[in-house]
Amino acid sequence: MNFSENQPGLKARLAHVAIAASSAAAVLTVGVSAVTAMPATAQDLASDVAEALQLRLPKTPIDEIACDRFGPWCEVVSGETLFYIDKSARYLLVGRLYDMEERRDVTASRLLELNPDLIAAGAARANPSANENTASAPATDTVDLSTLPAEGAIHWGNKKGPKLIVFSDFQCGYCRRLVDELGKAGVLVEERPISILGTQSRRLAETVICASDPGRALHQAYDGVLDPSGASCAETRGLDDNEAFARANGFAGTPVIVRASDGAVLHGYRDAATLREFARPAKEQRK
């Protein structure tokens, strides 16, 4: 979603908020009521809410806003957490959202996509490998890629583009969305599966990496049409190394994106424009 698009009446709304900024109390109570007073698409509404949030919460990174899923609430993704804000951008909710018809904890499902290990912390995985008994280290901003073996990787994308290394789980919803953005970014992808969501994820990873065309099998796995046979081949030795590397560098969830040129790390889903800029060597990036 592009939050920078100017919408009709935006300058007037921003001026209203800027005047109110002279009083802290006013800043917290003045909403963008004009948003609800005029017809708008979900994307238009999300853009307006994003601008209001950037004024009120300037130090909070806003990765995604969706205003077409949960009635009067917009869902806001910030890193690996989420919260909700009403469509007038006045009231912010931090807590659990339940779907009473489906009898489902919507927040728990979304948090599981954003960071599976936070939800499943302490839960025993089925048939854990010996390496899984080692606790994860704190997350780092850069990693040493020299310890990664040739095994355990699936290569796809633009062979002439800059390379990004992606640690993913084939059952992770944000990893699936990231595939589309990586394709749009025109980068070469070295995807390294890690089995955060348990045995099924591991079987999918083994099936993909042992396929005659791993790149094609990878997309089938994300589309949910690959039968997880759990094939065995020499390449599967690298899957344990992928997971050991992830734990050693504090990768608590998926996806994790690493720039191959220098080991710089991005945690979580990003759009194509961000990926394209990140993939460039650091010295070439815009200041």
C-alpha atoms as a PDB file:
ATOM      1  CA  MET A   1       0.000   0.000   0.000  1.00  0.00           C
ATOM      2  CA  ASN A   2       1.305   3.415  -0.914  1.00  0.00           C
ATOM      3  CA  PHE A   3       0.674   5.800   1.949  1.00  0.00           C
ATOM      4  CA  SER A   4       2.092   8.784   0.039  1.00  0.00           C
ATOM      5  CA  GLU A   5      -0.803   9.202  -2.358  1.00  0.00           C
ATOM      6  CA  ASN A   6      -2.617  12.511  -1.896  1.00  0.00           C
ATOM      7  CA  GLN A   7      -6.341  12.142  -1.444  1.00  0.00           C
ATOM      8  CA  PRO A   8      -9.093  14.803  -1.991  1.00  0.00           C
ATOM      9  CA  GLY A   9      -9.286  17.179   0.974  1.00  0.00           C
ATOM     10  CA  LEU A  10      -6.073  15.863   2.507  1.00  0.00           C
ATOM     11  CA  LYS A  11      -4.402  19.303   2.943  1.00  0.00           C
ATOM     12  CA  ALA A  12      -7.426  20.554   4.823  1.00  0.00           C
ATOM     13  CA  ARG A  13      -7.395  17.580   7.176  1.00  0.00           C
ATOM     14  CA  LEU A  14      -3.658  17.868   7.815  1.00  0.00           C
ATOM     15  CA  ALA A  15      -4.022  21.587   8.548  1.00  0.00           C
ATOM     16  CA  HIS A  16      -6.743  20.753  11.060  1.00  0.00           C
ATOM     17  CA  VAL A  17      -4.462  18.277  12.838  1.00  0.00           C
ATOM     18  CA  ALA A  18      -1.477  20.681  12.734  1.00  0.00           C
ATOM     19  CA  ILE A  19      -3.487  23.436  14.460  1.00  0.00           C
ATOM     20  CA  ALA A  20      -4.658  20.978  17.112  1.00  0.00           C
ATOM     21  CA  ALA A  21      -1.052  19.947  17.786  1.00  0.00           C
ATOM     22  CA  SER A  22      -0.613  23.047  19.980  1.00  0.00           C
ATOM     23  CA  SER A  23      -2.409  21.140  22.710  1.00  0.00           C
ATOM     24  CA  ALA A  24      -1.477  17.564  23.581  1.00  0.00           C
ATOM     25  CA  ALA A  25      -5.025  16.834  24.654  1.00  0.00           C
ATOM     26  CA  ALA A  26      -6.387  18.188  21.393  1.00  0.00           C
ATOM     27  CA  VAL A  27      -4.005  16.051  19.352  1.00  0.00           C
ATOM     28  CA  LEU A  28      -5.391  12.933  20.994  1.00  0.00           C
ATOM     29  CA  THR A  29      -9.047  13.863  20.490  1.00  0.00           C
ATOM     30  CA  VAL A  30      -9.143  15.493  17.059  1.00  0.00           C
ATOM     31  CA  GLY A  31      -9.906  12.830  14.444  1.00  0.00           C
ATOM     32  CA  VAL A  32      -9.973  12.860  10.716  1.00  0.00           C
ATOM     33  CA  SER A  33     -13.768  12.900  10.705  1.00  0.00           C
ATOM     34  CA  ALA A  34     -13.775  14.163   7.140  1.00  0.00           C
ATOM     35  CA  VAL A  35     -12.720  10.674   6.103  1.00  0.00           C
ATOM     36  CA  THR A  36     -16.072   9.212   7.084  1.00  0.00           C
ATOM     37  CA  ALA A  37     -18.032  12.139   5.677  1.00  0.00           C
ATOM     38  CA  MET A  38     -17.214  11.329   2.074  1.00  0.00           C
ATOM     39  CA  PRO A  39     -17.246   8.156  -0.041  1.00  0.00           C
ATOM     40  CA  ALA A  40     -13.844   6.472  -0.126  1.00  0.00           C
ATOM     41  CA  THR A  41     -12.344   3.187  -1.142  1.00  0.00           C
ATOM     42  CA  ALA A  42     -10.685   1.006   1.497  1.00  0.00           C
ATOM     43  CA  GLN A  43      -7.285   2.041   0.141  1.00  0.00           C
ATOM     44  CA  ASP A  44      -8.175   5.738   0.301  1.00  0.00           C
ATOM     45  CA  LEU A  45      -9.387   5.337   3.863  1.00  0.00           C
ATOM     46  CA  ALA A  46      -6.272   3.395   4.892  1.00  0.00           C
ATOM     47  CA  SER A  47      -4.061   6.121   3.414  1.00  0.00           C
ATOM     48  CA  ASP A  48      -5.850   8.821   5.423  1.00  0.00           C
ATOM     49  CA  VAL A  49      -5.661   6.809   8.629  1.00  0.00           C
ATOM     50  CA  ALA A  50      -1.961   6.156   8.006  1.00  0.00           C
ATOM     51  CA  GLU A  51      -1.267   9.872   7.696  1.00  0.00           C
ATOM     52  CA  ALA A  52      -3.084  10.589  10.946  1.00  0.00           C
ATOM     53  CA  LEU A  53      -1.100   7.865  12.698  1.00  0.00           C
ATOM     54  CA  GLN A  54       2.185   9.215  11.377  1.00  0.00           C
ATOM     55  CA  LEU A  55       1.343  12.555  12.990  1.00  0.00           C
ATOM     56  CA  ARG A  56       0.252  11.080  16.303  1.00  0.00           C
ATOM     57  CA  LEU A  57       2.694   8.177  16.551  1.00  0.00           C
ATOM     58  CA  PRO A  58       5.737   9.422  14.611  1.00  0.00           C
ATOM     59  CA  LYS A  59       8.082   6.849  16.171  1.00  0.00           C
ATOM     60  CA  THR A  60       5.874   3.850  15.377  1.00  0.00           C
ATOM     61  CA  PRO A  61       6.672   2.164  12.028  1.00  0.00           C
ATOM     62  CA  ILE A  62       3.514   1.429  10.047  1.00  0.00           C
ATOM     63  CA  ASP A  63       4.030  -1.525   7.697  1.00  0.00           C
ATOM     64  CA  GLU A  64       0.433  -2.155   6.637  1.00  0.00           C
ATOM     65  CA  ILE A  65      -3.085  -0.875   7.248  1.00  0.00           C
ATOM     66  CA  ALA A  66      -6.264  -2.705   6.195  1.00  0.00           C
ATOM     67  CA  CYS A  67      -9.674  -1.058   6.678  1.00  0.00           C
ATOM     68  CA  ASP A  68     -11.865  -3.585   4.849  1.00  0.00           C
ATOM     69  CA  ARG A  69     -11.681  -6.648   7.117  1.00  0.00           C
ATOM     70  CA  PHE A  70     -13.055  -5.984  10.586  1.00  0.00           C
ATOM     71  CA  GLY A  71     -16.113  -3.752  10.529  1.00  0.00           C
ATOM     72  CA  PRO A  72     -15.417  -0.306  12.015  1.00  0.00           C
ATOM     73  CA  TRP A  73     -11.788  -1.161  12.793  1.00  0.00           C
ATOM     74  CA  CYS A  74      -8.656  -0.789  10.682  1.00  0.00           C
ATOM     75  CA  GLU A  75      -5.942  -3.360  11.374  1.00  0.00           C
ATOM     76  CA  VAL A  76      -2.447  -1.845  11.687  1.00  0.00           C
ATOM     77  CA  VAL A  77       0.677  -3.978  11.328  1.00  0.00           C
ATOM     78  CA  SER A  78       3.799  -2.570  12.945  1.00  0.00           C
ATOM     79  CA  GLY A  79       6.773  -4.898  12.667  1.00  0.00           C
ATOM     80  CA  GLU A  80       5.707  -8.199  14.227  1.00  0.00           C
ATOM     81  CA  THR A  81       2.862  -6.707  16.267  1.00  0.00           C
ATOM     82  CA  LEU A  82      -0.563  -5.331  15.431  1.00  0.00           C
ATOM     83  CA  PHE A  83      -3.233  -3.069  16.850  1.00  0.00           C
ATOM     84  CA  TYR A  84      -6.548  -1.585  15.716  1.00  0.00           C
ATOM     85  CA  ILE A  85      -7.762   1.967  15.119  1.00  0.00           C
ATOM     86  CA  ASP A  86     -11.258   3.168  14.292  1.00  0.00           C
ATOM     87  CA  LYS A  87     -11.929   4.682  10.896  1.00  0.00           C
ATOM     88  CA  SER A  88     -12.139   8.218  12.285  1.00  0.00           C
ATOM     89  CA  ALA A  89      -8.536   7.742  13.502  1.00  0.00           C
ATOM     90  CA  ARG A  90      -9.550   8.766  17.020  1.00  0.00           C
ATOM     91  CA  TYR A  91      -9.655   5.569  19.081  1.00  0.00           C
ATOM     92  CA  LEU A  92      -6.800   3.058  19.206  1.00  0.00           C
ATOM     93  CA  LEU A  93      -7.296  -0.470  20.538  1.00  0.00           C
ATOM     94  CA  VAL A  94      -4.544  -2.783  21.733  1.00  0.00           C
ATOM     95  CA  GLY A  95      -6.010  -6.185  22.521  1.00  0.00           C
ATOM     96  CA  ARG A  96      -7.808  -9.233  21.148  1.00  0.00           C
ATOM     97  CA  LEU A  97     -10.400  -9.050  18.384  1.00  0.00           C
ATOM     98  CA  TYR A  98     -12.880 -11.944  18.189  1.00  0.00           C
ATOM     99  CA  ASP A  99     -15.131 -13.006  15.300  1.00  0.00           C
ATOM    100  CA  MET A 100     -18.322 -14.052  17.098  1.00  0.00           C
ATOM    101  CA  GLU A 101     -19.874 -15.720  14.043  1.00  0.00           C
ATOM    102  CA  GLU A 102     -16.839 -17.879  13.310  1.00  0.00           C
ATOM    103  CA  ARG A 103     -15.972 -18.132  17.027  1.00  0.00           C
ATOM    104  CA  ARG A 104     -12.381 -17.327  16.172  1.00  0.00           C
ATOM    105  CA  ASP A 105      -9.669 -15.239  17.805  1.00  0.00           C
ATOM    106  CA  VAL A 106      -8.762 -13.055  14.817  1.00  0.00           C
ATOM    107  CA  THR A 107      -5.842 -11.400  16.588  1.00  0.00           C
ATOM    108  CA  ALA A 108      -4.227 -14.709  17.520  1.00  0.00           C
ATOM    109  CA  SER A 109      -4.453 -15.918  13.924  1.00  0.00           C
ATOM    110  CA  ARG A 110      -2.830 -12.767  12.592  1.00  0.00           C
ATOM    111  CA  LEU A 111      -0.107 -12.776  15.250  1.00  0.00           C
ATOM    112  CA  LEU A 112       0.658 -16.353  14.286  1.00  0.00           C
ATOM    113  CA  GLU A 113       1.326 -15.153  10.750  1.00  0.00           C
ATOM    114  CA  LEU A 114       3.416 -12.201  11.897  1.00  0.00           C
ATOM    115  CA  ASN A 115       5.594 -14.115  14.354  1.00  0.00           C
ATOM    116  CA  PRO A 116       4.781 -17.776  14.934  1.00  0.00           C
ATOM    117  CA  ASP A 117       7.402 -18.288  17.636  1.00  0.00           C
ATOM    118  CA  LEU A 118       5.832 -15.617  19.873  1.00  0.00           C
ATOM    119  CA  ILE A 119       2.580 -17.558  19.922  1.00  0.00           C
ATOM    120  CA  ALA A 120       4.139 -20.993  20.234  1.00  0.00           C
ATOM    121  CA  ALA A 121       6.892 -20.049  22.683  1.00  0.00           C
ATOM    122  CA  GLY A 122       7.668 -22.932  24.963  1.00  0.00           C
ATOM    123  CA  ALA A 123       5.557 -25.437  23.030  1.00  0.00           C
ATOM    124  CA  ALA A 124       7.310 -28.685  22.108  1.00  0.00           C
ATOM    125  CA  ARG A 125       7.631 -29.367  18.386  1.00  0.00           C
ATOM    126  CA  ALA A 126       6.955 -32.776  17.002  1.00  0.00           C
ATOM    127  CA  ASN A 127      10.134 -34.793  16.433  1.00  0.00           C
ATOM    128  CA  PRO A 128      12.568 -31.918  17.142  1.00  0.00           C
ATOM    129  CA  SER A 129      16.073 -32.274  15.850  1.00  0.00           C
ATOM    130  CA  ALA A 130      19.032 -32.202  18.210  1.00  0.00           C
ATOM    131  CA  ASN A 131      19.817 -28.646  17.135  1.00  0.00           C
ATOM    132  CA  GLU A 132      16.405 -27.397  18.279  1.00  0.00           C
ATOM    133  CA  ASN A 133      17.389 -27.697  21.933  1.00  0.00           C
ATOM    134  CA  THR A 134      19.607 -24.607  21.543  1.00  0.00           C
ATOM    135  CA  ALA A 135      18.010 -21.305  22.534  1.00  0.00           C
ATOM    136  CA  SER A 136      17.875 -18.481  20.001  1.00  0.00           C
ATOM    137  CA  ALA A 137      20.349 -15.638  20.280  1.00  0.00           C
ATOM    138  CA  PRO A 138      19.207 -11.982  20.288  1.00  0.00           C
ATOM    139  CA  ALA A 139      18.264 -10.702  16.814  1.00  0.00           C
ATOM    140  CA  THR A 140      21.051  -8.970  14.897  1.00  0.00           C
ATOM    141  CA  ASP A 141      21.120  -6.248  12.223  1.00  0.00           C
ATOM    142  CA  THR A 142      23.759  -8.018  10.133  1.00  0.00           C
ATOM    143  CA  VAL A 143      24.790 -11.661   9.818  1.00  0.00           C
ATOM    144  CA  ASP A 144      27.844 -13.574   8.612  1.00  0.00           C
ATOM    145  CA  LEU A 145      26.705 -15.586   5.590  1.00  0.00           C
ATOM    146  CA  SER A 146      29.947 -17.539   5.265  1.00  0.00           C
ATOM    147  CA  THR A 147      28.603 -20.301   7.524  1.00  0.00           C
ATOM    148  CA  LEU A 148      25.661 -21.107   5.244  1.00  0.00           C
ATOM    149  CA  PRO A 149      26.249 -24.258   3.163  1.00  0.00           C
ATOM    150  CA  ALA A 150      25.280 -24.707  -0.473  1.00  0.00           C
ATOM    151  CA  GLU A 151      22.598 -27.201   0.571  1.00  0.00           C
ATOM    152  CA  GLY A 152      19.262 -26.030   1.902  1.00  0.00           C
ATOM    153  CA  ALA A 153      18.624 -23.268  -0.646  1.00  0.00           C
ATOM    154  CA  ILE A 154      16.130 -22.843  -3.498  1.00  0.00           C
ATOM    155  CA  HIS A 155      17.075 -20.278  -6.152  1.00  0.00           C
ATOM    156  CA  TRP A 156      14.460 -18.452  -8.196  1.00  0.00           C
ATOM    157  CA  GLY A 157      13.674 -15.019  -9.625  1.00  0.00           C
ATOM    158  CA  ASN A 158      15.693 -12.692 -11.833  1.00  0.00           C
ATOM    159  CA  LYS A 159      19.106 -14.271 -12.414  1.00  0.00           C
ATOM    160  CA  LYS A 160      20.570 -10.882 -13.336  1.00  0.00           C
ATOM    161  CA  GLY A 161      19.157  -9.046 -10.334  1.00  0.00           C
ATOM    162  CA  PRO A 162      20.778  -8.350  -6.944  1.00  0.00           C
ATOM    163  CA  LYS A 163      20.465 -11.295  -4.580  1.00  0.00           C
ATOM    164  CA  LEU A 164      18.360 -11.494  -1.435  1.00  0.00           C
ATOM    165  CA  ILE A 165      18.423 -14.483   0.922  1.00  0.00           C
ATOM    166  CA  VAL A 166      15.003 -15.207   2.432  1.00  0.00           C
ATOM    167  CA  PHE A 167      14.365 -17.417   5.471  1.00  0.00           C
ATOM    168  CA  SER A 168      10.785 -18.613   5.222  1.00  0.00           C
ATOM    169  CA  ASP A 169       8.165 -21.178   6.176  1.00  0.00           C
ATOM    170  CA  PHE A 170       5.886 -22.495   3.431  1.00  0.00           C
ATOM    171  CA  GLN A 171       2.897 -22.299   5.788  1.00  0.00           C
ATOM    172  CA  CYS A 172       3.534 -18.643   6.685  1.00  0.00           C
ATOM    173  CA  GLY A 173       0.956 -16.279   5.186  1.00  0.00           C
ATOM    174  CA  TYR A 174       3.315 -13.308   5.033  1.00  0.00           C
ATOM    175  CA  CYS A 175       5.958 -15.453   3.321  1.00  0.00           C
ATOM    176  CA  ARG A 176       3.401 -16.264   0.636  1.00  0.00           C
ATOM    177  CA  ARG A 177       2.642 -12.583   0.130  1.00  0.00           C
ATOM    178  CA  LEU A 178       6.342 -11.780   0.046  1.00  0.00           C
ATOM    179  CA  VAL A 179       6.842 -14.108  -2.943  1.00  0.00           C
ATOM    180  CA  ASP A 180       4.712 -11.812  -5.120  1.00  0.00           C
ATOM    181  CA  GLU A 181       6.603  -8.718  -3.978  1.00  0.00           C
ATOM    182  CA  LEU A 182       9.993 -10.350  -4.576  1.00  0.00           C
ATOM    183  CA  GLY A 183       8.895 -11.157  -8.109  1.00  0.00           C
ATOM    184  CA  LYS A 184       7.858  -7.538  -8.702  1.00  0.00           C
ATOM    185  CA  ALA A 185      11.159  -6.301  -7.256  1.00  0.00           C
ATOM    186  CA  GLY A 186      13.129  -8.136  -9.948  1.00  0.00           C
ATOM    187  CA  VAL A 187      15.641  -9.690  -7.560  1.00  0.00           C
ATOM    188  CA  LEU A 188      17.404 -13.046  -7.460  1.00  0.00           C
ATOM    189  CA  VAL A 189      16.086 -15.005  -4.476  1.00  0.00           C
ATOM    190  CA  GLU A 190      17.939 -17.617  -2.470  1.00  0.00           C
ATOM    191  CA  GLU A 191      15.150 -19.025  -0.313  1.00  0.00           C
ATOM    192  CA  ARG A 192      16.095 -21.038   2.769  1.00  0.00           C
ATOM    193  CA  PRO A 193      13.179 -22.798   4.479  1.00  0.00           C
ATOM    194  CA  ILE A 194      13.002 -23.025   8.263  1.00  0.00           C
ATOM    195  CA  SER A 195      10.270 -25.121   9.881  1.00  0.00           C
ATOM    196  CA  ILE A 196       8.747 -22.701  12.381  1.00  0.00           C
ATOM    197  CA  LEU A 197       5.256 -24.193  12.115  1.00  0.00           C
ATOM    198  CA  GLY A 198       6.284 -27.783  12.827  1.00  0.00           C
ATOM    199  CA  THR A 199       6.371 -31.139  11.083  1.00  0.00           C
ATOM    200  CA  GLN A 200       4.169 -30.206   8.121  1.00  0.00           C
ATOM    201  CA  SER A 201       6.441 -27.276   7.291  1.00  0.00           C
ATOM    202  CA  ARG A 202       9.482 -29.553   7.402  1.00  0.00           C
ATOM    203  CA  ARG A 203       7.857 -32.103   5.097  1.00  0.00           C
ATOM    204  CA  LEU A 204       6.957 -29.357   2.635  1.00  0.00           C
ATOM    205  CA  ALA A 205      10.535 -28.034   2.734  1.00  0.00           C
ATOM    206  CA  GLU A 206      11.969 -31.500   2.070  1.00  0.00           C
ATOM    207  CA  THR A 207       9.542 -32.067  -0.784  1.00  0.00           C
ATOM    208  CA  VAL A 208      10.395 -28.728  -2.392  1.00  0.00           C
ATOM    209  CA  ILE A 209      14.141 -29.005  -2.080  1.00  0.00           C
ATOM    210  CA  CYS A 210      14.233 -32.558  -3.443  1.00  0.00           C
ATOM    211  CA  ALA A 211      11.961 -31.800  -6.432  1.00  0.00           C
ATOM    212  CA  SER A 212      13.337 -31.924  -9.969  1.00  0.00           C
ATOM    213  CA  ASP A 213      12.389 -28.239 -10.294  1.00  0.00           C
ATOM    214  CA  PRO A 214      12.630 -26.764  -6.764  1.00  0.00           C
ATOM    215  CA  GLY A 215      11.660 -23.254  -7.899  1.00  0.00           C
ATOM    216  CA  ARG A 216       8.392 -24.499  -9.371  1.00  0.00           C
ATOM    217  CA  ALA A 217       7.740 -26.722  -6.349  1.00  0.00           C
ATOM    218  CA  LEU A 218       8.297 -23.730  -4.059  1.00  0.00           C
ATOM    219  CA  HIS A 219       5.480 -21.782  -5.694  1.00  0.00           C
ATOM    220  CA  GLN A 220       3.240 -24.861  -5.594  1.00  0.00           C
ATOM    221  CA  ALA A 221       3.913 -25.184  -1.865  1.00  0.00           C
ATOM    222  CA  TYR A 222       2.869 -21.583  -1.259  1.00  0.00           C
ATOM    223  CA  ASP A 223      -0.236 -22.091  -3.398  1.00  0.00           C
ATOM    224  CA  GLY A 224      -1.197 -25.127  -1.292  1.00  0.00           C
ATOM    225  CA  VAL A 225      -1.138 -27.580  -4.208  1.00  0.00           C
ATOM    226  CA  LEU A 226       2.062 -29.480  -3.398  1.00  0.00           C
ATOM    227  CA  ASP A 227       1.676 -32.902  -1.784  1.00  0.00           C
ATOM    228  CA  PRO A 228       4.122 -32.927   1.173  1.00  0.00           C
ATOM    229  CA  SER A 229       5.698 -36.335   0.622  1.00  0.00           C
ATOM    230  CA  GLY A 230       8.745 -35.488   2.710  1.00  0.00           C
ATOM    231  CA  ALA A 231      11.194 -36.694   0.072  1.00  0.00           C
ATOM    232  CA  SER A 232      14.777 -37.478   1.033  1.00  0.00           C
ATOM    233  CA  CYS A 233      17.851 -36.240  -0.813  1.00  0.00           C
ATOM    234  CA  ALA A 234      21.293 -34.828  -0.106  1.00  0.00           C
ATOM    235  CA  GLU A 235      19.931 -31.265  -0.160  1.00  0.00           C
ATOM    236  CA  THR A 236      17.831 -31.840   2.973  1.00  0.00           C
ATOM    237  CA  ARG A 237      21.011 -31.765   5.064  1.00  0.00           C
ATOM    238  CA  GLY A 238      21.015 -28.015   4.611  1.00  0.00           C
ATOM    239  CA  LEU A 239      17.582 -27.586   6.213  1.00  0.00           C
ATOM    240  CA  ASP A 240      18.966 -28.296   9.677  1.00  0.00           C
ATOM    241  CA  ASP A 241      21.768 -25.828   8.971  1.00  0.00           C
ATOM    242  CA  ASN A 242      19.201 -23.196   7.944  1.00  0.00           C
ATOM    243  CA  GLU A 243      17.400 -23.580  11.268  1.00  0.00           C
ATOM    244  CA  ALA A 244      20.630 -23.557  13.273  1.00  0.00           C
ATOM    245  CA  PHE A 245      21.691 -20.366  11.487  1.00  0.00           C
ATOM    246  CA  ALA A 246      18.293 -18.774  12.181  1.00  0.00           C
ATOM    247  CA  ARG A 247      18.484 -19.568  15.901  1.00  0.00           C
ATOM    248  CA  ALA A 248      22.088 -18.389  16.176  1.00  0.00           C
ATOM    249  CA  ASN A 249      21.100 -15.020  14.713  1.00  0.00           C
ATOM    250  CA  GLY A 250      17.843 -14.535  16.613  1.00  0.00           C
ATOM    251  CA  PHE A 251      15.409 -15.072  13.732  1.00  0.00           C
ATOM    252  CA  ALA A 252      12.248 -15.510  15.832  1.00  0.00           C
ATOM    253  CA  GLY A 253       9.734 -15.503  12.971  1.00  0.00           C
ATOM    254  CA  THR A 254       9.380 -15.519   9.207  1.00  0.00           C
ATOM    255  CA  PRO A 255      10.047 -14.067   6.750  1.00  0.00           C
ATOM    256  CA  VAL A 256      13.555 -12.732   7.341  1.00  0.00           C
ATOM    257  CA  ILE A 257      15.293 -11.044   4.398  1.00  0.00           C
ATOM    258  CA  VAL A 258      19.092 -10.805   4.178  1.00  0.00           C
ATOM    259  CA  ARG A 259      21.061  -8.775   1.629  1.00  0.00           C
ATOM    260  CA  ALA A 260      23.592 -11.151   0.090  1.00  0.00           C
ATOM    261  CA  SER A 261      26.180  -8.438  -0.578  1.00  0.00           C
ATOM    262  CA  ASP A 262      26.802  -7.562   3.077  1.00  0.00           C
ATOM    263  CA  GLY A 263      24.511  -9.609   5.345  1.00  0.00           C
ATOM    264  CA  ALA A 264      22.172  -6.732   6.298  1.00  0.00           C
ATOM    265  CA  VAL A 265      18.868  -7.997   7.737  1.00  0.00           C
ATOM    266  CA  LEU A 266      15.196  -7.036   7.384  1.00  0.00           C
ATOM    267  CA  HIS A 267      12.625  -8.782   9.580  1.00  0.00           C
ATOM    268  CA  GLY A 268       9.098  -9.286   8.276  1.00  0.00           C
ATOM    269  CA  TYR A 269       7.106  -8.645   5.119  1.00  0.00           C
ATOM    270  CA  ARG A 270       8.076  -5.751   2.829  1.00  0.00           C
ATOM    271  CA  ASP A 271       6.648  -4.418  -0.428  1.00  0.00           C
ATOM    272  CA  ALA A 272       8.405  -4.539  -3.808  1.00  0.00           C
ATOM    273  CA  ALA A 273       9.693  -0.954  -3.699  1.00  0.00           C
ATOM    274  CA  THR A 274      11.305  -1.495  -0.291  1.00  0.00           C
ATOM    275  CA  LEU A 275      12.822  -4.793  -1.399  1.00  0.00           C
ATOM    276  CA  ARG A 276      14.205  -3.280  -4.590  1.00  0.00           C
ATOM    277  CA  GLU A 277      15.875  -0.449  -2.672  1.00  0.00           C
ATOM    278  CA  PHE A 278      17.177  -2.763   0.067  1.00  0.00           C
ATOM    279  CA  ALA A 279      18.688  -5.172  -2.464  1.00  0.00           C
ATOM    280  CA  ARG A 280      20.976  -2.487  -3.854  1.00  0.00           C
ATOM    281  CA  PRO A 281      24.482  -2.305  -2.340  1.00  0.00           C
ATOM    282  CA  ALA A 282      24.485   0.011   0.674  1.00  0.00           C
ATOM    283  CA  LYS A 283      26.812   2.546  -0.969  1.00  0.00           C
ATOM    284  CA  GLU A 284      24.383   2.950  -3.881  1.00  0.00           C
ATOM    285  CA  GLN A 285      21.261   3.510  -1.798  1.00  0.00           C
ATOM    286  CA  ARG A 286      19.626   6.913  -1.520  1.00  0.00           C
ATOM    287  CA  LYS A 287      20.583   8.887   1.546  1.00  0.00           C
END
